PDB file of N, CA and C in Angstrom:
ATOM      1  N   MET A   1     150.695  90.142 121.396  1.00  0.00           N
ATOM      2  CA  MET A   1     150.988  88.883 120.750  1.00  0.00           C
ATOM      3  C   MET A   1     150.525  88.967 119.300  1.00  0.00           C
ATOM      4  N   ALA A   2     151.368  88.526 118.367  1.00  0.00           N
ATOM      5  CA  ALA A   2     151.045  88.610 116.944  1.00  0.00           C
ATOM      6  C   ALA A   2     150.024  87.549 116.577  1.00  0.00           C
ATOM      7  N   GLN A   3     149.086  87.961 115.713  1.00  0.00           N
ATOM      8  CA  GLN A   3     148.083  87.012 115.254  1.00  0.00           C
ATOM      9  C   GLN A   3     148.527  86.396 113.937  1.00  0.00           C
ATOM     10  N   ASN A   4     148.105  85.185 113.714  1.00  0.00           N
ATOM     11  CA  ASN A   4     148.435  84.490 112.478  1.00  0.00           C
ATOM     12  C   ASN A   4     147.637  85.130 111.345  1.00  0.00           C
ATOM     13  N   SER A   5     148.328  85.723 110.367  1.00  0.00           N
ATOM     14  CA  SER A   5     147.640  86.396 109.284  1.00  0.00           C
ATOM     15  C   SER A   5     147.363  85.470 108.101  1.00  0.00           C
ATOM     16  N   ALA A   6     147.897  84.269 108.125  1.00  0.00           N
ATOM     17  CA  ALA A   6     147.646  83.325 107.035  1.00  0.00           C
ATOM     18  C   ALA A   6     146.196  82.853 107.097  1.00  0.00           C
ATOM     19  N   ALA A   7     145.574  82.819 105.957  1.00  0.00           N
ATOM     20  CA  ALA A   7     144.180  82.374 105.889  1.00  0.00           C
ATOM     21  C   ALA A   7     144.119  80.864 106.117  1.00  0.00           C
ATOM     22  N   THR A   8     143.134  80.450 106.862  1.00  0.00           N
ATOM     23  CA  THR A   8     142.936  79.034 107.092  1.00  0.00           C
ATOM     24  C   THR A   8     142.213  78.466 105.885  1.00  0.00           C
ATOM     25  N   PRO A   9     142.716  77.383 105.310  1.00  0.00           N
ATOM     26  CA  PRO A   9     142.025  76.839 104.144  1.00  0.00           C
ATOM     27  C   PRO A   9     140.632  76.362 104.520  1.00  0.00           C
ATOM     28  N   SER A  10     139.664  76.688 103.682  1.00  0.00           N
ATOM     29  CA  SER A  10     138.294  76.271 103.965  1.00  0.00           C
ATOM     30  C   SER A  10     138.073  74.861 103.423  1.00  0.00           C
ATOM     31  N   ALA A  11     137.074  74.216 103.934  1.00  0.00           N
ATOM     32  CA  ALA A  11     136.745  72.865 103.486  1.00  0.00           C
ATOM     33  C   ALA A  11     136.256  72.935 102.043  1.00  0.00           C
ATOM     34  N   PRO A  12     136.551  71.913 101.246  1.00  0.00           N
ATOM     35  CA  PRO A  12     136.095  71.941  99.853  1.00  0.00           C
ATOM     36  C   PRO A  12     134.573  71.909  99.775  1.00  0.00           C
ATOM     37  N   SER A  13     134.043  72.551  98.743  1.00  0.00           N
ATOM     38  CA  SER A  13     132.596  72.573  98.528  1.00  0.00           C
ATOM     39  C   SER A  13     132.125  71.190  98.077  1.00  0.00           C
ATOM     40  N   SER A  14     130.831  70.998  98.036  1.00  0.00           N
ATOM     41  CA  SER A  14     130.292  69.709  97.590  1.00  0.00           C
ATOM     42  C   SER A  14     130.699  69.439  96.144  1.00  0.00           C
ATOM     43  N   TYR A  15     130.738  70.479  95.322  1.00  0.00           N
ATOM     44  CA  TYR A  15     131.153  70.331  93.928  1.00  0.00           C
ATOM     45  C   TYR A  15     132.632  69.935  93.843  1.00  0.00           C
ATOM     46  N   GLU A  16     133.470  70.564  94.661  1.00  0.00           N
ATOM     47  CA  GLU A  16     134.902  70.234  94.672  1.00  0.00           C
ATOM     48  C   GLU A  16     135.132  68.798  95.131  1.00  0.00           C
ATOM     49  N   ARG A  17     134.399  68.356  96.143  1.00  0.00           N
ATOM     50  CA  ARG A  17     134.528  66.967  96.613  1.00  0.00           C
ATOM     51  C   ARG A  17     134.126  65.984  95.516  1.00  0.00           C
ATOM     52  N   LEU A  18     133.046  66.302  94.804  1.00  0.00           N
ATOM     53  CA  LEU A  18     132.601  65.462  93.695  1.00  0.00           C
ATOM     54  C   LEU A  18     133.677  65.409  92.611  1.00  0.00           C
ATOM     55  N   GLY A  19     134.228  66.555  92.269  1.00  0.00           N
ATOM     56  CA  GLY A  19     135.270  66.623  91.252  1.00  0.00           C
ATOM     57  C   GLY A  19     136.490  65.808  91.629  1.00  0.00           C
ATOM     58  N   ILE A  20     136.894  65.889  92.887  1.00  0.00           N
ATOM     59  CA  ILE A  20     138.053  65.126  93.362  1.00  0.00           C
ATOM     60  C   ILE A  20     137.777  63.624  93.258  1.00  0.00           C
ATOM     61  N   ARG A  21     136.575  63.213  93.641  1.00  0.00           N
ATOM     62  CA  ARG A  21     136.227  61.790  93.590  1.00  0.00           C
ATOM     63  C   ARG A  21     136.239  61.272  92.152  1.00  0.00           C
ATOM     64  N   VAL A  22     135.616  62.015  91.242  1.00  0.00           N
ATOM     65  CA  VAL A  22     135.550  61.591  89.844  1.00  0.00           C
ATOM     66  C   VAL A  22     136.944  61.619  89.211  1.00  0.00           C
ATOM     67  N   GLN A  23     137.741  62.606  89.577  1.00  0.00           N
ATOM     68  CA  GLN A  23     139.106  62.699  89.049  1.00  0.00           C
ATOM     69  C   GLN A  23     139.918  61.463  89.436  1.00  0.00           C
ATOM     70  N   LYS A  24     139.741  60.979  90.666  1.00  0.00           N
ATOM     71  CA  LYS A  24     140.449  59.772  91.102  1.00  0.00           C
ATOM     72  C   LYS A  24     140.051  58.567  90.255  1.00  0.00           C
ATOM     73  N   VAL A  25     138.759  58.466  89.921  1.00  0.00           N
ATOM     74  CA  VAL A  25     138.283  57.355  89.100  1.00  0.00           C
ATOM     75  C   VAL A  25     138.904  57.443  87.706  1.00  0.00           C
ATOM     76  N   ILE A  26     138.871  58.631  87.116  1.00  0.00           N
ATOM     77  CA  ILE A  26     139.394  58.826  85.760  1.00  0.00           C
ATOM     78  C   ILE A  26     140.906  58.605  85.713  1.00  0.00           C
ATOM     79  N   ASN A  27     141.605  59.011  86.754  1.00  0.00           N
ATOM     80  CA  ASN A  27     143.061  58.901  86.770  1.00  0.00           C
ATOM     81  C   ASN A  27     143.571  57.541  87.228  1.00  0.00           C
ATOM     82  N   SER A  28     142.681  56.630  87.571  1.00  0.00           N
ATOM     83  CA  SER A  28     143.129  55.310  88.013  1.00  0.00           C
ATOM     84  C   SER A  28     143.849  54.611  86.864  1.00  0.00           C
ATOM     85  N   PRO A  29     144.828  53.771  87.177  1.00  0.00           N
ATOM     86  CA  PRO A  29     145.560  53.066  86.119  1.00  0.00           C
ATOM     87  C   PRO A  29     144.656  52.249  85.193  1.00  0.00           C
ATOM     88  N   THR A  30     143.630  51.623  85.751  1.00  0.00           N
ATOM     89  CA  THR A  30     142.715  50.821  84.935  1.00  0.00           C
ATOM     90  C   THR A  30     141.973  51.690  83.927  1.00  0.00           C
ATOM     91  N   ALA A  31     141.457  52.828  84.382  1.00  0.00           N
ATOM     92  CA  ALA A  31     140.736  53.732  83.486  1.00  0.00           C
ATOM     93  C   ALA A  31     141.674  54.325  82.442  1.00  0.00           C
ATOM     94  N   GLN A  32     142.873  54.678  82.840  1.00  0.00           N
ATOM     95  CA  GLN A  32     143.827  55.254  81.897  1.00  0.00           C
ATOM     96  C   GLN A  32     144.195  54.254  80.804  1.00  0.00           C
ATOM     97  N   LYS A  33     144.360  53.007  81.181  1.00  0.00           N
ATOM     98  CA  LYS A  33     144.707  51.977  80.202  1.00  0.00           C
ATOM     99  C   LYS A  33     143.550  51.756  79.222  1.00  0.00           C
ATOM    100  N   ALA A  34     142.325  51.724  79.753  1.00  0.00           N
ATOM    101  CA  ALA A  34     141.147  51.472  78.925  1.00  0.00           C
ATOM    102  C   ALA A  34     140.660  52.740  78.211  1.00  0.00           C
ATOM    103  N   ARG A  35     141.148  53.890  78.647  1.00  0.00           N
ATOM    104  CA  ARG A  35     140.662  55.192  78.167  1.00  0.00           C
ATOM    105  C   ARG A  35     139.147  55.277  78.324  1.00  0.00           C
ATOM    106  N   ALA A  36     138.691  54.801  79.488  1.00  0.00           N
ATOM    107  CA  ALA A  36     137.267  54.807  79.802  1.00  0.00           C
ATOM    108  C   ALA A  36     137.098  54.707  81.313  1.00  0.00           C
ATOM    109  N   ALA A  37     136.028  55.308  81.799  1.00  0.00           N
ATOM    110  CA  ALA A  37     135.721  55.237  83.232  1.00  0.00           C
ATOM    111  C   ALA A  37     134.207  55.228  83.398  1.00  0.00           C
ATOM    112  N   LEU A  38     133.752  54.513  84.389  1.00  0.00           N
ATOM    113  CA  LEU A  38     132.332  54.455  84.712  1.00  0.00           C
ATOM    114  C   LEU A  38     132.128  55.162  86.042  1.00  0.00           C
ATOM    115  N   ILE A  39     131.263  56.183  86.043  1.00  0.00           N
ATOM    116  CA  ILE A  39     131.020  56.940  87.262  1.00  0.00           C
ATOM    117  C   ILE A  39     129.534  56.939  87.597  1.00  0.00           C
ATOM    118  N   TYR A  40     129.257  57.060  88.876  1.00  0.00           N
ATOM    119  CA  TYR A  40     127.890  57.129  89.391  1.00  0.00           C
ATOM    120  C   TYR A  40     127.808  58.289  90.368  1.00  0.00           C
ATOM    121  N   ARG A  41     126.633  58.914  90.442  1.00  0.00           N
ATOM    122  CA  ARG A  41     126.401  59.941  91.467  1.00  0.00           C
ATOM    123  C   ARG A  41     126.026  59.225  92.754  1.00  0.00           C
ATOM    124  N   LEU A  42     126.714  59.578  93.825  1.00  0.00           N
ATOM    125  CA  LEU A  42     126.402  59.002  95.123  1.00  0.00           C
ATOM    126  C   LEU A  42     125.164  59.681  95.694  1.00  0.00           C
ATOM    127  N   THR A  43     124.473  58.998  96.582  1.00  0.00           N
ATOM    128  CA  THR A  43     123.207  59.515  97.105  1.00  0.00           C
ATOM    129  C   THR A  43     123.372  60.825  97.877  1.00  0.00           C
ATOM    130  N   ASP A  44     124.548  61.061  98.465  1.00  0.00           N
ATOM    131  CA  ASP A  44     124.742  62.291  99.238  1.00  0.00           C
ATOM    132  C   ASP A  44     125.293  63.438  98.395  1.00  0.00           C
ATOM    133  N   GLU A  45     125.455  63.228  97.083  1.00  0.00           N
ATOM    134  CA  GLU A  45     125.975  64.284  96.207  1.00  0.00           C
ATOM    135  C   GLU A  45     124.823  65.064  95.584  1.00  0.00           C
ATOM    136  N   VAL A  46     125.023  66.361  95.442  1.00  0.00           N
ATOM    137  CA  VAL A  46     123.990  67.261  94.939  1.00  0.00           C
ATOM    138  C   VAL A  46     123.796  67.036  93.436  1.00  0.00           C
ATOM    139  N   GLU A  47     122.554  66.858  93.014  1.00  0.00           N
ATOM    140  CA  GLU A  47     122.267  66.576  91.603  1.00  0.00           C
ATOM    141  C   GLU A  47     122.728  67.711  90.694  1.00  0.00           C
ATOM    142  N   ASP A  48     122.577  68.964  91.123  1.00  0.00           N
ATOM    143  CA  ASP A  48     123.041  70.100  90.308  1.00  0.00           C
ATOM    144  C   ASP A  48     124.553  70.061  90.124  1.00  0.00           C
ATOM    145  N   ASP A  49     125.286  69.676  91.175  1.00  0.00           N
ATOM    146  CA  ASP A  49     126.743  69.543  91.066  1.00  0.00           C
ATOM    147  C   ASP A  49     127.088  68.468  90.038  1.00  0.00           C
ATOM    148  N   TRP A  50     126.375  67.350  90.114  1.00  0.00           N
ATOM    149  CA  TRP A  50     126.594  66.231  89.206  1.00  0.00           C
ATOM    150  C   TRP A  50     126.371  66.663  87.756  1.00  0.00           C
ATOM    151  N   ASN A  51     125.248  67.343  87.510  1.00  0.00           N
ATOM    152  CA  ASN A  51     124.935  67.789  86.153  1.00  0.00           C
ATOM    153  C   ASN A  51     125.967  68.791  85.640  1.00  0.00           C
ATOM    154  N   GLN A  52     126.392  69.691  86.499  1.00  0.00           N
ATOM    155  CA  GLN A  52     127.406  70.678  86.114  1.00  0.00           C
ATOM    156  C   GLN A  52     128.716  69.985  85.752  1.00  0.00           C
ATOM    157  N   LEU A  53     129.127  69.023  86.558  1.00  0.00           N
ATOM    158  CA  LEU A  53     130.369  68.301  86.293  1.00  0.00           C
ATOM    159  C   LEU A  53     130.297  67.558  84.963  1.00  0.00           C
ATOM    160  N   LEU A  54     129.177  66.883  84.698  1.00  0.00           N
ATOM    161  CA  LEU A  54     129.032  66.154  83.440  1.00  0.00           C
ATOM    162  C   LEU A  54     129.067  67.105  82.244  1.00  0.00           C
ATOM    163  N   GLU A  55     128.440  68.268  82.372  1.00  0.00           N
ATOM    164  CA  GLU A  55     128.481  69.264  81.293  1.00  0.00           C
ATOM    165  C   GLU A  55     129.918  69.709  81.027  1.00  0.00           C
ATOM    166  N   GLU A  56     130.668  69.940  82.090  1.00  0.00           N
ATOM    167  CA  GLU A  56     132.049  70.388  81.933  1.00  0.00           C
ATOM    168  C   GLU A  56     132.930  69.292  81.331  1.00  0.00           C
ATOM    169  N   ILE A  57     132.697  68.055  81.713  1.00  0.00           N
ATOM    170  CA  ILE A  57     133.453  66.945  81.132  1.00  0.00           C
ATOM    171  C   ILE A  57     133.133  66.829  79.639  1.00  0.00           C
ATOM    172  N   ALA A  58     131.855  66.945  79.290  1.00  0.00           N
ATOM    173  CA  ALA A  58     131.422  66.788  77.902  1.00  0.00           C
ATOM    174  C   ALA A  58     131.975  67.884  76.985  1.00  0.00           C
ATOM    175  N   GLU A  59     132.324  69.045  77.549  1.00  0.00           N
ATOM    176  CA  GLU A  59     132.855  70.149  76.749  1.00  0.00           C
ATOM    177  C   GLU A  59     134.258  69.871  76.219  1.00  0.00           C
ATOM    178  N   ASN A  60     134.940  68.904  76.783  1.00  0.00           N
ATOM    179  CA  ASN A  60     136.310  68.604  76.367  1.00  0.00           C
ATOM    180  C   ASN A  60     136.330  67.895  75.023  1.00  0.00           C
ATOM    181  N   ASP A  61     137.316  68.267  74.200  1.00  0.00           N
ATOM    182  CA  ASP A  61     137.504  67.586  72.929  1.00  0.00           C
ATOM    183  C   ASP A  61     137.914  66.143  73.190  1.00  0.00           C
ATOM    184  N   ASN A  62     137.540  65.260  72.287  1.00  0.00           N
ATOM    185  CA  ASN A  62     137.940  63.850  72.336  1.00  0.00           C
ATOM    186  C   ASN A  62     137.348  63.093  73.515  1.00  0.00           C
ATOM    187  N   VAL A  63     136.233  63.606  74.083  1.00  0.00           N
ATOM    188  CA  VAL A  63     135.570  62.940  75.208  1.00  0.00           C
ATOM    189  C   VAL A  63     134.121  62.652  74.814  1.00  0.00           C
ATOM    190  N   THR A  64     133.667  61.445  75.126  1.00  0.00           N
ATOM    191  CA  THR A  64     132.289  61.041  74.855  1.00  0.00           C
ATOM    192  C   THR A  64     131.672  60.534  76.152  1.00  0.00           C
ATOM    193  N   LEU A  65     130.443  60.948  76.417  1.00  0.00           N
ATOM    194  CA  LEU A  65     129.702  60.455  77.579  1.00  0.00           C
ATOM    195  C   LEU A  65     128.579  59.551  77.089  1.00  0.00           C
ATOM    196  N   ALA A  66     128.418  58.415  77.744  1.00  0.00           N
ATOM    197  CA  ALA A  66     127.327  57.493  77.444  1.00  0.00           C
ATOM    198  C   ALA A  66     126.527  57.295  78.729  1.00  0.00           C
ATOM    199  N   TYR A  67     125.259  57.704  78.694  1.00  0.00           N
ATOM    200  CA  TYR A  67     124.390  57.593  79.861  1.00  0.00           C
ATOM    201  C   TYR A  67     123.769  56.208  79.886  1.00  0.00           C
ATOM    202  N   ARG A  68     123.934  55.519  81.002  1.00  0.00           N
ATOM    203  CA  ARG A  68     123.454  54.147  81.138  1.00  0.00           C
ATOM    204  C   ARG A  68     122.098  54.111  81.827  1.00  0.00           C
ATOM    205  N   ASP A  69     121.354  53.034  81.590  1.00  0.00           N
ATOM    206  CA  ASP A  69     120.029  52.867  82.187  1.00  0.00           C
ATOM    207  C   ASP A  69     120.078  52.770  83.703  1.00  0.00           C
ATOM    208  N   ASP A  70     121.220  52.321  84.245  1.00  0.00           N
ATOM    209  CA  ASP A  70     121.324  52.158  85.696  1.00  0.00           C
ATOM    210  C   ASP A  70     121.746  53.452  86.405  1.00  0.00           C
ATOM    211  N   GLY A  71     121.827  54.557  85.665  1.00  0.00           N
ATOM    212  CA  GLY A  71     122.190  55.842  86.264  1.00  0.00           C
ATOM    213  C   GLY A  71     123.665  56.183  86.150  1.00  0.00           C
ATOM    214  N   GLY A  72     124.467  55.236  85.738  1.00  0.00           N
ATOM    215  CA  GLY A  72     125.894  55.488  85.573  1.00  0.00           C
ATOM    216  C   GLY A  72     126.173  56.265  84.291  1.00  0.00           C
ATOM    217  N   VAL A  73     127.361  56.818  84.244  1.00  0.00           N
ATOM    218  CA  VAL A  73     127.808  57.519  83.044  1.00  0.00           C
ATOM    219  C   VAL A  73     129.179  56.954  82.675  1.00  0.00           C
ATOM    220  N   GLN A  74     129.257  56.437  81.466  1.00  0.00           N
ATOM    221  CA  GLN A  74     130.525  55.914  80.958  1.00  0.00           C
ATOM    222  C   GLN A  74     131.215  57.048  80.220  1.00  0.00           C
ATOM    223  N   ILE A  75     132.463  57.295  80.589  1.00  0.00           N
ATOM    224  CA  ILE A  75     133.256  58.331  79.945  1.00  0.00           C
ATOM    225  C   ILE A  75     134.308  57.639  79.096  1.00  0.00           C
ATOM    226  N   PHE A  76     134.360  58.011  77.833  1.00  0.00           N
ATOM    227  CA  PHE A  76     135.379  57.493  76.912  1.00  0.00           C
ATOM    228  C   PHE A  76     136.202  58.666  76.406  1.00  0.00           C
ATOM    229  N   TRP A  77     137.482  58.454  76.215  1.00  0.00           N
ATOM    230  CA  TRP A  77     138.297  59.521  75.648  1.00  0.00           C
ATOM    231  C   TRP A  77     139.370  58.937  74.746  1.00  0.00           C
ATOM    232  N   THR A  78     139.817  59.773  73.829  1.00  0.00           N
ATOM    233  CA  THR A  78     140.925  59.398  72.959  1.00  0.00           C
ATOM    234  C   THR A  78     142.062  60.379  73.203  1.00  0.00           C
ATOM    235  N   VAL A  79     143.260  59.902  72.974  1.00  0.00           N
ATOM    236  CA  VAL A  79     144.437  60.757  73.109  1.00  0.00           C
ATOM    237  C   VAL A  79     144.936  61.026  71.702  1.00  0.00           C
ATOM    238  N   PRO A  80     144.865  62.305  71.275  1.00  0.00           N
ATOM    239  CA  PRO A  80     145.320  62.601  69.912  1.00  0.00           C
ATOM    240  C   PRO A  80     146.800  62.310  69.736  1.00  0.00           C
ATOM    241  N   LYS A  81     147.131  61.814  68.560  1.00  0.00           N
ATOM    242  CA  LYS A  81     148.537  61.527  68.269  1.00  0.00           C
ATOM    243  C   LYS A  81     149.264  62.836  67.989  1.00  0.00           C
ATOM    244  N   GLU A  82     150.480  62.923  68.484  1.00  0.00           N
ATOM    245  CA  GLU A  82     151.281  64.111  68.251  1.00  0.00           C
ATOM    246  C   GLU A  82     152.002  63.974  66.923  1.00  0.00           C
ATOM    247  N   ASP A  83     152.262  65.100  66.282  1.00  0.00           N
ATOM    248  CA  ASP A  83     152.964  65.108  64.983  1.00  0.00           C
ATOM    249  C   ASP A  83     154.402  64.683  65.123  1.00  0.00           C
TER     250      ASP A  83
END
């Protein structure tokens, strides 16, 4: 009997799950209209993953992060005008 040679997709890592969650917040119609999103680290998310994600977001041009006293991070971005 032939065995299935296709690899079974593995479950996403904690970092990937965090990225997917934050991406949904950023891509929401409300955030897109305001060009801003407010994100928080959930208690079950790894702090190192959170810090890595924020560093990667901050590396993007036209993006500003504002750290709030309540632990949230406000992300602001601008869309450059095309010529």
